[in-house]
Amino acid sequence: MRTQVEQVIEVIRPAIQADNGDVVLHDVDEVTGIVTVELVGACVSCPASTVTLKAGLERILKDRVPGVTEVINSGETANAIGETPVSL
């Protein structure tokens, strides 16, 4: 499953990079189907990043990779517990 997710992200990546952002794959939980990514670059401060994540990345991964149930942004998880995501 992870290999399929990586392949799909590579197809999507140029569109995200065109807006000065990027996506980093952190984890694929094959039991729950949850894919953990981090949106970096311009995506960190972009108000449309949730749309990119859910309507873009998650929808495409669910369509193309059997078993994917959800895509979460590890940067949003850090924000929820009071940490600040840092991207270089």
PDB file of N, CA and C in Angstrom:
ATOM      1  N   MET A   1       0.828  -1.193   0.000  1.00  0.00           N
ATOM      2  CA  MET A   1       0.000   0.000   0.000  1.00  0.00           C
ATOM      3  C   MET A   1       0.874   1.259   0.000  1.00  0.00           C
ATOM      4  N   ARG A   2       1.948   1.244   0.790  1.00  0.00           N
ATOM      5  CA  ARG A   2       2.798   2.433   0.888  1.00  0.00           C
ATOM      6  C   ARG A   2       3.378   2.812  -0.478  1.00  0.00           C
ATOM      7  N   THR A   3       3.796   1.805  -1.229  1.00  0.00           N
ATOM      8  CA  THR A   3       4.365   2.076  -2.551  1.00  0.00           C
ATOM      9  C   THR A   3       3.333   2.748  -3.455  1.00  0.00           C
ATOM     10  N   GLN A   4       2.098   2.275  -3.405  1.00  0.00           N
ATOM     11  CA  GLN A   4       1.038   2.887  -4.215  1.00  0.00           C
ATOM     12  C   GLN A   4       0.791   4.334  -3.780  1.00  0.00           C
ATOM     13  N   VAL A   5       0.775   4.571  -2.476  1.00  0.00           N
ATOM     14  CA  VAL A   5       0.569   5.928  -1.971  1.00  0.00           C
ATOM     15  C   VAL A   5       1.705   6.834  -2.444  1.00  0.00           C
ATOM     16  N   GLU A   6       2.949   6.347  -2.351  1.00  0.00           N
ATOM     17  CA  GLU A   6       4.099   7.136  -2.807  1.00  0.00           C
ATOM     18  C   GLU A   6       3.978   7.479  -4.285  1.00  0.00           C
ATOM     19  N   GLN A   7       3.547   6.515  -5.096  1.00  0.00           N
ATOM     20  CA  GLN A   7       3.412   6.742  -6.531  1.00  0.00           C
ATOM     21  C   GLN A   7       2.354   7.799  -6.833  1.00  0.00           C
ATOM     22  N   VAL A   8       1.238   7.756  -6.127  1.00  0.00           N
ATOM     23  CA  VAL A   8       0.172   8.734  -6.347  1.00  0.00           C
ATOM     24  C   VAL A   8       0.638  10.123  -5.904  1.00  0.00           C
ATOM     25  N   ILE A   9       1.323  10.192  -4.771  1.00  0.00           N
ATOM     26  CA  ILE A   9       1.828  11.488  -4.303  1.00  0.00           C
ATOM     27  C   ILE A   9       2.787  12.090  -5.324  1.00  0.00           C
ATOM     28  N   GLU A  10       3.616  11.263  -5.944  1.00  0.00           N
ATOM     29  CA  GLU A  10       4.546  11.770  -6.962  1.00  0.00           C
ATOM     30  C   GLU A  10       3.806  12.369  -8.162  1.00  0.00           C
ATOM     31  N   VAL A  11       2.633  11.835  -8.471  1.00  0.00           N
ATOM     32  CA  VAL A  11       1.823  12.364  -9.572  1.00  0.00           C
ATOM     33  C   VAL A  11       1.200  13.710  -9.176  1.00  0.00           C
ATOM     34  N   ILE A  12       0.775  13.815  -7.907  1.00  0.00           N
ATOM     35  CA  ILE A  12       0.105  15.015  -7.406  1.00  0.00           C
ATOM     36  C   ILE A  12       1.093  16.137  -7.078  1.00  0.00           C
ATOM     37  N   ARG A  13       2.286  15.769  -6.647  1.00  0.00           N
ATOM     38  CA  ARG A  13       3.287  16.719  -6.147  1.00  0.00           C
ATOM     39  C   ARG A  13       3.524  17.938  -7.044  1.00  0.00           C
ATOM     40  N   PRO A  14       3.659  17.807  -8.361  1.00  0.00           N
ATOM     41  CA  PRO A  14       3.920  18.992  -9.186  1.00  0.00           C
ATOM     42  C   PRO A  14       2.847  20.082  -9.058  1.00  0.00           C
ATOM     43  N   ALA A  15       1.601  19.691  -8.897  1.00  0.00           N
ATOM     44  CA  ALA A  15       0.529  20.682  -8.747  1.00  0.00           C
ATOM     45  C   ALA A  15       0.684  21.447  -7.434  1.00  0.00           C
ATOM     46  N   ILE A  16       1.077  20.750  -6.384  1.00  0.00           N
ATOM     47  CA  ILE A  16       1.283  21.400  -5.087  1.00  0.00           C
ATOM     48  C   ILE A  16       2.529  22.281  -5.140  1.00  0.00           C
ATOM     49  N   GLN A  17       3.585  21.789  -5.776  1.00  0.00           N
ATOM     50  CA  GLN A  17       4.819  22.561  -5.889  1.00  0.00           C
ATOM     51  C   GLN A  17       4.642  23.811  -6.753  1.00  0.00           C
ATOM     52  N   ALA A  18       3.703  23.768  -7.674  1.00  0.00           N
ATOM     53  CA  ALA A  18       3.437  24.937  -8.518  1.00  0.00           C
ATOM     54  C   ALA A  18       2.966  26.127  -7.693  1.00  0.00           C
ATOM     55  N   ASP A  19       2.406  25.862  -6.515  1.00  0.00           N
ATOM     56  CA  ASP A  19       1.971  26.926  -5.606  1.00  0.00           C
ATOM     57  C   ASP A  19       2.966  27.127  -4.462  1.00  0.00           C
ATOM     58  N   ASN A  20       4.215  26.698  -4.680  1.00  0.00           N
ATOM     59  CA  ASN A  20       5.309  26.846  -3.705  1.00  0.00           C
ATOM     60  C   ASN A  20       5.112  26.038  -2.429  1.00  0.00           C
ATOM     61  N   GLY A  21       4.372  24.956  -2.522  1.00  0.00           N
ATOM     62  CA  GLY A  21       4.203  24.057  -1.388  1.00  0.00           C
ATOM     63  C   GLY A  21       4.776  22.694  -1.724  1.00  0.00           C
ATOM     64  N   ASP A  22       4.586  21.771  -0.818  1.00  0.00           N
ATOM     65  CA  ASP A  22       4.998  20.390  -1.068  1.00  0.00           C
ATOM     66  C   ASP A  22       4.307  19.492  -0.051  1.00  0.00           C
ATOM     67  N   VAL A  23       4.391  18.211  -0.275  1.00  0.00           N
ATOM     68  CA  VAL A  23       3.793  17.235   0.631  1.00  0.00           C
ATOM     69  C   VAL A  23       4.847  16.179   0.942  1.00  0.00           C
ATOM     70  N   VAL A  24       4.969  15.858   2.229  1.00  0.00           N
ATOM     71  CA  VAL A  24       5.913  14.852   2.691  1.00  0.00           C
ATOM     72  C   VAL A  24       5.112  13.706   3.301  1.00  0.00           C
ATOM     73  N   LEU A  25       5.359  12.503   2.822  1.00  0.00           N
ATOM     74  CA  LEU A  25       4.675  11.326   3.356  1.00  0.00           C
ATOM     75  C   LEU A  25       5.386  10.866   4.621  1.00  0.00           C
ATOM     76  N   HIS A  26       4.634  10.760   5.731  1.00  0.00           N
ATOM     77  CA  HIS A  26       5.217  10.311   6.992  1.00  0.00           C
ATOM     78  C   HIS A  26       4.859   8.870   7.320  1.00  0.00           C
ATOM     79  N   ASP A  27       3.606   8.472   7.086  1.00  0.00           N
ATOM     80  CA  ASP A  27       3.210   7.137   7.503  1.00  0.00           C
ATOM     81  C   ASP A  27       2.012   6.648   6.695  1.00  0.00           C
ATOM     82  N   VAL A  28       1.962   5.350   6.501  1.00  0.00           N
ATOM     83  CA  VAL A  28       0.790   4.688   5.920  1.00  0.00           C
ATOM     84  C   VAL A  28       0.446   3.546   6.856  1.00  0.00           C
ATOM     85  N   ASP A  29      -0.683   3.668   7.541  1.00  0.00           N
ATOM     86  CA  ASP A  29      -1.137   2.619   8.445  1.00  0.00           C
ATOM     87  C   ASP A  29      -2.036   1.680   7.646  1.00  0.00           C
ATOM     88  N   GLU A  30      -1.503   0.521   7.316  1.00  0.00           N
ATOM     89  CA  GLU A  30      -2.237  -0.407   6.459  1.00  0.00           C
ATOM     90  C   GLU A  30      -3.423  -1.042   7.171  1.00  0.00           C
ATOM     91  N   VAL A  31      -3.444  -1.010   8.485  1.00  0.00           N
ATOM     92  CA  VAL A  31      -4.559  -1.586   9.237  1.00  0.00           C
ATOM     93  C   VAL A  31      -5.757  -0.632   9.207  1.00  0.00           C
ATOM     94  N   THR A  32      -5.521   0.655   9.506  1.00  0.00           N
ATOM     95  CA  THR A  32      -6.617   1.628   9.565  1.00  0.00           C
ATOM     96  C   THR A  32      -6.851   2.333   8.238  1.00  0.00           C
ATOM     97  N   GLY A  33      -5.863   2.309   7.350  1.00  0.00           N
ATOM     98  CA  GLY A  33      -5.974   3.012   6.074  1.00  0.00           C
ATOM     99  C   GLY A  33      -5.671   4.495   6.180  1.00  0.00           C
ATOM    100  N   ILE A  34      -5.130   4.924   7.322  1.00  0.00           N
ATOM    101  CA  ILE A  34      -4.832   6.342   7.511  1.00  0.00           C
ATOM    102  C   ILE A  34      -3.440   6.658   6.986  1.00  0.00           C
ATOM    103  N   VAL A  35      -3.385   7.670   6.128  1.00  0.00           N
ATOM    104  CA  VAL A  35      -2.137   8.150   5.560  1.00  0.00           C
ATOM    105  C   VAL A  35      -1.802   9.466   6.250  1.00  0.00           C
ATOM    106  N   THR A  36      -0.596   9.559   6.798  1.00  0.00           N
ATOM    107  CA  THR A  36      -0.159  10.773   7.475  1.00  0.00           C
ATOM    108  C   THR A  36       0.865  11.485   6.602  1.00  0.00           C
ATOM    109  N   VAL A  37       0.560  12.721   6.282  1.00  0.00           N
ATOM    110  CA  VAL A  37       1.443  13.543   5.465  1.00  0.00           C
ATOM    111  C   VAL A  37       1.712  14.850   6.205  1.00  0.00           C
ATOM    112  N   GLU A  38       2.644  15.608   5.678  1.00  0.00           N
ATOM    113  CA  GLU A  38       2.870  16.956   6.179  1.00  0.00           C
ATOM    114  C   GLU A  38       2.910  17.886   4.982  1.00  0.00           C
ATOM    115  N   LEU A  39       2.051  18.885   5.011  1.00  0.00           N
ATOM    116  CA  LEU A  39       2.084  19.912   3.982  1.00  0.00           C
ATOM    117  C   LEU A  39       3.122  20.940   4.412  1.00  0.00           C
ATOM    118  N   VAL A  40       4.050  21.267   3.530  1.00  0.00           N
ATOM    119  CA  VAL A  40       5.155  22.162   3.866  1.00  0.00           C
ATOM    120  C   VAL A  40       5.240  23.314   2.872  1.00  0.00           C
ATOM    121  N   GLY A  41       6.165  24.216   3.117  1.00  0.00           N
ATOM    122  CA  GLY A  41       6.339  25.376   2.251  1.00  0.00           C
ATOM    123  C   GLY A  41       5.168  26.317   2.391  1.00  0.00           C
ATOM    124  N   ALA A  42       4.684  26.835   1.284  1.00  0.00           N
ATOM    125  CA  ALA A  42       3.579  27.788   1.298  1.00  0.00           C
ATOM    126  C   ALA A  42       2.304  27.171   1.855  1.00  0.00           C
ATOM    127  N   CYS A  43       2.203  25.854   1.848  1.00  0.00           N
ATOM    128  CA  CYS A  43       1.004  25.177   2.362  1.00  0.00           C
ATOM    129  C   CYS A  43       0.802  25.399   3.861  1.00  0.00           C
ATOM    130  N   VAL A  44       1.890  25.636   4.593  1.00  0.00           N
ATOM    131  CA  VAL A  44       1.805  25.780   6.047  1.00  0.00           C
ATOM    132  C   VAL A  44       0.896  26.939   6.433  1.00  0.00           C
ATOM    133  N   SER A  45       1.009  28.052   5.712  1.00  0.00           N
ATOM    134  CA  SER A  45       0.222  29.242   6.068  1.00  0.00           C
ATOM    135  C   SER A  45      -0.962  29.486   5.134  1.00  0.00           C
ATOM    136  N   CYS A  46      -1.181  28.580   4.200  1.00  0.00           N
ATOM    137  CA  CYS A  46      -2.242  28.793   3.208  1.00  0.00           C
ATOM    138  C   CYS A  46      -3.603  28.401   3.771  1.00  0.00           C
ATOM    139  N   PRO A  47      -4.585  29.306   3.668  1.00  0.00           N
ATOM    140  CA  PRO A  47      -5.921  28.975   4.159  1.00  0.00           C
ATOM    141  C   PRO A  47      -6.605  27.866   3.350  1.00  0.00           C
ATOM    142  N   ALA A  48      -6.133  27.597   2.149  1.00  0.00           N
ATOM    143  CA  ALA A  48      -6.732  26.549   1.317  1.00  0.00           C
ATOM    144  C   ALA A  48      -6.073  25.188   1.527  1.00  0.00           C
ATOM    145  N   SER A  49      -5.146  25.074   2.477  1.00  0.00           N
ATOM    146  CA  SER A  49      -4.429  23.809   2.650  1.00  0.00           C
ATOM    147  C   SER A  49      -5.355  22.661   3.054  1.00  0.00           C
ATOM    148  N   THR A  50      -6.416  22.955   3.796  1.00  0.00           N
ATOM    149  CA  THR A  50      -7.367  21.902   4.162  1.00  0.00           C
ATOM    150  C   THR A  50      -8.080  21.383   2.922  1.00  0.00           C
ATOM    151  N   VAL A  51      -8.400  22.273   2.008  1.00  0.00           N
ATOM    152  CA  VAL A  51      -9.032  21.864   0.741  1.00  0.00           C
ATOM    153  C   VAL A  51      -8.053  21.015  -0.059  1.00  0.00           C
ATOM    154  N   THR A  52      -6.790  21.446  -0.116  1.00  0.00           N
ATOM    155  CA  THR A  52      -5.765  20.671  -0.823  1.00  0.00           C
ATOM    156  C   THR A  52      -5.667  19.275  -0.229  1.00  0.00           C
ATOM    157  N   LEU A  53      -5.697  19.204   1.092  1.00  0.00           N
ATOM    158  CA  LEU A  53      -5.540  17.923   1.771  1.00  0.00           C
ATOM    159  C   LEU A  53      -6.752  17.026   1.565  1.00  0.00           C
ATOM    160  N   LYS A  54      -7.946  17.520   1.852  1.00  0.00           N
ATOM    161  CA  LYS A  54      -9.148  16.681   1.841  1.00  0.00           C
ATOM    162  C   LYS A  54      -9.761  16.520   0.449  1.00  0.00           C
ATOM    163  N   ALA A  55      -9.990  17.619  -0.250  1.00  0.00           N
ATOM    164  CA  ALA A  55     -10.656  17.539  -1.557  1.00  0.00           C
ATOM    165  C   ALA A  55      -9.686  17.116  -2.655  1.00  0.00           C
ATOM    166  N   GLY A  56      -8.401  17.308  -2.403  1.00  0.00           N
ATOM    167  CA  GLY A  56      -7.417  16.928  -3.408  1.00  0.00           C
ATOM    168  C   GLY A  56      -6.746  15.617  -3.073  1.00  0.00           C
ATOM    169  N   LEU A  57      -5.793  15.687  -2.177  1.00  0.00           N
ATOM    170  CA  LEU A  57      -4.960  14.540  -1.850  1.00  0.00           C
ATOM    171  C   LEU A  57      -5.762  13.339  -1.345  1.00  0.00           C
ATOM    172  N   GLU A  58      -6.634  13.554  -0.363  1.00  0.00           N
ATOM    173  CA  GLU A  58      -7.399  12.439   0.195  1.00  0.00           C
ATOM    174  C   GLU A  58      -8.325  11.814  -0.851  1.00  0.00           C
ATOM    175  N   ARG A  59      -9.032  12.642  -1.587  1.00  0.00           N
ATOM    176  CA  ARG A  59      -9.968  12.121  -2.593  1.00  0.00           C
ATOM    177  C   ARG A  59      -9.233  11.284  -3.637  1.00  0.00           C
ATOM    178  N   ILE A  60      -8.109  11.789  -4.118  1.00  0.00           N
ATOM    179  CA  ILE A  60      -7.361  11.078  -5.156  1.00  0.00           C
ATOM    180  C   ILE A  60      -6.780   9.775  -4.604  1.00  0.00           C
ATOM    181  N   LEU A  61      -6.220   9.828  -3.387  1.00  0.00           N
ATOM    182  CA  LEU A  61      -5.665   8.604  -2.803  1.00  0.00           C
ATOM    183  C   LEU A  61      -6.745   7.551  -2.567  1.00  0.00           C
ATOM    184  N   LYS A  62      -7.912   7.973  -2.089  1.00  0.00           N
ATOM    185  CA  LYS A  62      -9.011   7.018  -1.886  1.00  0.00           C
ATOM    186  C   LYS A  62      -9.433   6.385  -3.209  1.00  0.00           C
ATOM    187  N   ASP A  63      -9.439   7.175  -4.279  1.00  0.00           N
ATOM    188  CA  ASP A  63      -9.831   6.668  -5.594  1.00  0.00           C
ATOM    189  C   ASP A  63      -8.809   5.702  -6.173  1.00  0.00           C
ATOM    190  N   ARG A  64      -7.530   5.945  -5.920  1.00  0.00           N
ATOM    191  CA  ARG A  64      -6.479   5.207  -6.608  1.00  0.00           C
ATOM    192  C   ARG A  64      -5.787   4.127  -5.784  1.00  0.00           C
ATOM    193  N   VAL A  65      -5.934   4.191  -4.452  1.00  0.00           N
ATOM    194  CA  VAL A  65      -5.249   3.208  -3.608  1.00  0.00           C
ATOM    195  C   VAL A  65      -6.276   2.502  -2.725  1.00  0.00           C
ATOM    196  N   PRO A  66      -6.560   1.235  -3.014  1.00  0.00           N
ATOM    197  CA  PRO A  66      -7.515   0.490  -2.197  1.00  0.00           C
ATOM    198  C   PRO A  66      -7.071   0.446  -0.736  1.00  0.00           C
ATOM    199  N   GLY A  67      -7.998   0.712   0.159  1.00  0.00           N
ATOM    200  CA  GLY A  67      -7.702   0.633   1.578  1.00  0.00           C
ATOM    201  C   GLY A  67      -7.458   1.961   2.265  1.00  0.00           C
ATOM    202  N   VAL A  68      -7.180   3.019   1.492  1.00  0.00           N
ATOM    203  CA  VAL A  68      -6.975   4.332   2.109  1.00  0.00           C
ATOM    204  C   VAL A  68      -8.328   4.849   2.590  1.00  0.00           C
ATOM    205  N   THR A  69      -8.389   5.212   3.879  1.00  0.00           N
ATOM    206  CA  THR A  69      -9.643   5.686   4.466  1.00  0.00           C
ATOM    207  C   THR A  69      -9.613   7.168   4.796  1.00  0.00           C
ATOM    208  N   GLU A  70      -8.415   7.703   5.072  1.00  0.00           N
ATOM    209  CA  GLU A  70      -8.312   9.100   5.477  1.00  0.00           C
ATOM    210  C   GLU A  70      -6.878   9.572   5.284  1.00  0.00           C
ATOM    211  N   VAL A  71      -6.726  10.873   5.039  1.00  0.00           N
ATOM    212  CA  VAL A  71      -5.407  11.493   4.977  1.00  0.00           C
ATOM    213  C   VAL A  71      -5.392  12.595   6.022  1.00  0.00           C
ATOM    214  N   ILE A  72      -4.382  12.541   6.898  1.00  0.00           N
ATOM    215  CA  ILE A  72      -4.271  13.582   7.910  1.00  0.00           C
ATOM    216  C   ILE A  72      -2.938  14.309   7.760  1.00  0.00           C
ATOM    217  N   ASN A  73      -2.942  15.576   8.156  1.00  0.00           N
ATOM    218  CA  ASN A  73      -1.757  16.416   8.081  1.00  0.00           C
ATOM    219  C   ASN A  73      -1.101  16.437   9.453  1.00  0.00           C
ATOM    220  N   SER A  74       0.111  15.926   9.544  1.00  0.00           N
ATOM    221  CA  SER A  74       0.794  15.891  10.838  1.00  0.00           C
ATOM    222  C   SER A  74       1.030  17.295  11.376  1.00  0.00           C
ATOM    223  N   GLY A  75       1.128  18.302  10.515  1.00  0.00           N
ATOM    224  CA  GLY A  75       1.280  19.686  10.959  1.00  0.00           C
ATOM    225  C   GLY A  75       0.045  20.171  11.689  1.00  0.00           C
ATOM    226  N   GLU A  76      -1.154  19.768  11.244  1.00  0.00           N
ATOM    227  CA  GLU A  76      -2.393  20.156  11.930  1.00  0.00           C
ATOM    228  C   GLU A  76      -2.489  19.467  13.286  1.00  0.00           C
ATOM    229  N   THR A  77      -2.006  18.236  13.373  1.00  0.00           N
ATOM    230  CA  THR A  77      -2.001  17.522  14.644  1.00  0.00           C
ATOM    231  C   THR A  77      -1.098  18.246  15.630  1.00  0.00           C
ATOM    232  N   ALA A  78       0.058  18.707  15.163  1.00  0.00           N
ATOM    233  CA  ALA A  78       0.975  19.444  16.034  1.00  0.00           C
ATOM    234  C   ALA A  78       0.326  20.730  16.516  1.00  0.00           C
ATOM    235  N   ASN A  79      -0.366  21.440  15.626  1.00  0.00           N
ATOM    236  CA  ASN A  79      -1.040  22.674  16.021  1.00  0.00           C
ATOM    237  C   ASN A  79      -2.114  22.419  17.065  1.00  0.00           C
ATOM    238  N   ALA A  80      -2.798  21.303  16.944  1.00  0.00           N
ATOM    239  CA  ALA A  80      -3.888  20.998  17.875  1.00  0.00           C
ATOM    240  C   ALA A  80      -3.371  20.768  19.291  1.00  0.00           C
ATOM    241  N   ILE A  81      -2.117  20.326  19.423  1.00  0.00           N
ATOM    242  CA  ILE A  81      -1.576  20.108  20.761  1.00  0.00           C
ATOM    243  C   ILE A  81      -0.616  21.211  21.182  1.00  0.00           C
ATOM    244  N   GLY A  82      -0.618  22.309  20.431  1.00  0.00           N
ATOM    245  CA  GLY A  82       0.153  23.480  20.830  1.00  0.00           C
ATOM    246  C   GLY A  82       1.570  23.545  20.299  1.00  0.00           C
ATOM    247  N   GLU A  83       1.943  22.645  19.418  1.00  0.00           N
ATOM    248  CA  GLU A  83       3.270  22.693  18.817  1.00  0.00           C
ATOM    249  C   GLU A  83       3.202  23.466  17.516  1.00  0.00           C
ATOM    250  N   THR A  84       4.325  23.951  17.069  1.00  0.00           N
ATOM    251  CA  THR A  84       4.393  24.690  15.828  1.00  0.00           C
ATOM    252  C   THR A  84       5.177  23.868  14.814  1.00  0.00           C
ATOM    253  N   PRO A  85       4.559  23.534  13.672  1.00  0.00           N
ATOM    254  CA  PRO A  85       5.316  22.793  12.655  1.00  0.00           C
ATOM    255  C   PRO A  85       6.366  23.702  12.041  1.00  0.00           C
ATOM    256  N   VAL A  86       7.512  23.133  11.763  1.00  0.00           N
ATOM    257  CA  VAL A  86       8.605  23.895  11.184  1.00  0.00           C
ATOM    258  C   VAL A  86       9.001  23.205   9.895  1.00  0.00           C
ATOM    259  N   SER A  87       9.127  23.977   8.835  1.00  0.00           N
ATOM    260  CA  SER A  87       9.616  23.413   7.583  1.00  0.00           C
ATOM    261  C   SER A  87      10.756  24.271   7.096  1.00  0.00           C
ATOM    262  N   LEU A  88      11.754  23.621   6.575  1.00  0.00           N
ATOM    263  CA  LEU A  88      12.943  24.335   6.079  1.00  0.00           C
ATOM    264  C   LEU A  88      13.048  24.189   4.594  1.00  0.00           C
TER     265      LEU A  88
END
